[in-house]
Amino acid sequence: MSPHEGSNEAAWAELQALDSRLALRVLGSLLEQGVTAIPIHDSFVVEERHADLTVEVMKQEFTAMFTGTSVTVNME
């Protein structure tokens, strides 16, 4: 989907808003657990010792927002 194709602007804006809400939920959950994270686009930079927790939080928050779905997280 491209935001530059006329009829996609509203959908693009909604997708960006959902992405932002998801990122804020992940950051908030990590912060509650004492983990500092730096968001970069759709990724989070954390200390290596928090990598597994971050993956789990990302999956949990995605599933909470989009009930009945699952997501795969890449760690690279």
Protein backbone atom coordinates (compact mmCIF):
# COMPACT_ATOMS: atom_id res chain seq x y z
CA MET A 1 0.00 0.00 0.00
CA SER A 2 1.32 3.42 -0.87
CA PRO A 3 0.18 6.66 0.75
CA HIS A 4 0.79 8.38 -2.57
CA GLU A 5 -1.99 6.58 -4.40
CA GLY A 6 -5.09 8.76 -4.15
CA SER A 7 -7.60 6.49 -2.44
CA ASN A 8 -5.12 5.06 0.08
CA GLU A 9 -4.52 8.18 2.18
CA ALA A 10 -7.15 7.46 4.84
CA ALA A 11 -6.17 3.80 5.13
CA TRP A 12 -2.49 4.74 5.31
CA ALA A 13 -3.16 7.22 8.11
CA GLU A 14 -5.14 4.60 10.04
CA LEU A 15 -2.36 2.03 9.65
CA GLN A 16 0.22 4.54 10.89
CA ALA A 17 -1.98 5.35 13.89
CA LEU A 18 -2.34 1.64 14.73
CA ASP A 19 1.41 1.16 14.41
CA SER A 20 2.02 4.08 16.77
CA ARG A 21 -0.47 2.79 19.34
CA LEU A 22 1.11 -0.65 19.24
CA ALA A 23 4.61 0.78 19.70
CA LEU A 24 3.42 2.86 22.68
CA ARG A 25 1.84 -0.20 24.27
CA VAL A 26 5.07 -2.17 23.87
CA LEU A 27 7.15 0.68 25.28
CA GLY A 28 4.77 1.13 28.21
CA SER A 29 4.77 -2.56 29.06
CA LEU A 30 8.56 -2.74 28.90
CA LEU A 31 8.90 0.39 31.03
CA GLU A 32 6.58 -1.12 33.67
CA GLN A 33 9.01 -4.05 33.83
CA GLY A 34 12.04 -1.78 34.17
CA VAL A 35 13.29 -2.24 30.61
CA THR A 36 14.53 0.75 28.67
CA ALA A 37 13.82 0.48 24.94
CA ILE A 38 14.55 2.72 21.98
CA PRO A 39 11.95 2.47 19.22
CA ILE A 40 13.16 2.58 15.62
CA HIS A 41 10.33 2.26 13.08
CA ASP A 42 8.80 -1.15 13.88
CA SER A 43 11.73 -2.33 16.01
CA PHE A 44 12.93 -1.88 19.57
CA VAL A 45 16.52 -1.67 20.71
CA VAL A 46 17.02 -3.20 24.16
CA GLU A 47 19.88 -4.67 26.12
CA GLU A 48 20.54 -8.22 24.94
CA ARG A 49 19.47 -9.62 28.30
CA HIS A 50 15.96 -8.23 27.65
CA ALA A 51 15.61 -9.57 24.11
CA ASP A 52 13.38 -12.55 24.93
CA LEU A 53 11.12 -10.46 27.17
CA THR A 54 10.80 -7.84 24.44
CA VAL A 55 9.77 -10.46 21.89
CA GLU A 56 7.11 -11.77 24.26
CA VAL A 57 5.81 -8.29 25.02
CA MET A 58 5.62 -7.47 21.30
CA LYS A 59 3.62 -10.64 20.64
CA GLN A 60 1.32 -10.09 23.62
CA GLU A 61 0.57 -6.48 22.74
CA PHE A 62 -0.05 -7.33 19.08
CA THR A 63 -2.46 -10.10 20.04
CA ALA A 64 -4.19 -7.82 22.56
CA MET A 65 -4.79 -5.18 19.89
CA PHE A 66 -5.69 -7.59 17.11
CA THR A 67 -7.66 -10.38 18.80
CA GLY A 68 -7.50 -13.75 17.11
CA THR A 69 -4.21 -13.04 15.36
CA SER A 70 -0.59 -13.88 15.95
CA VAL A 71 2.67 -12.39 14.81
CA THR A 72 6.20 -13.54 14.16
CA VAL A 73 9.03 -11.42 15.57
CA ASN A 74 12.42 -11.31 13.87
CA MET A 75 15.49 -10.77 16.05
CA GLU A 76 18.30 -9.47 13.87
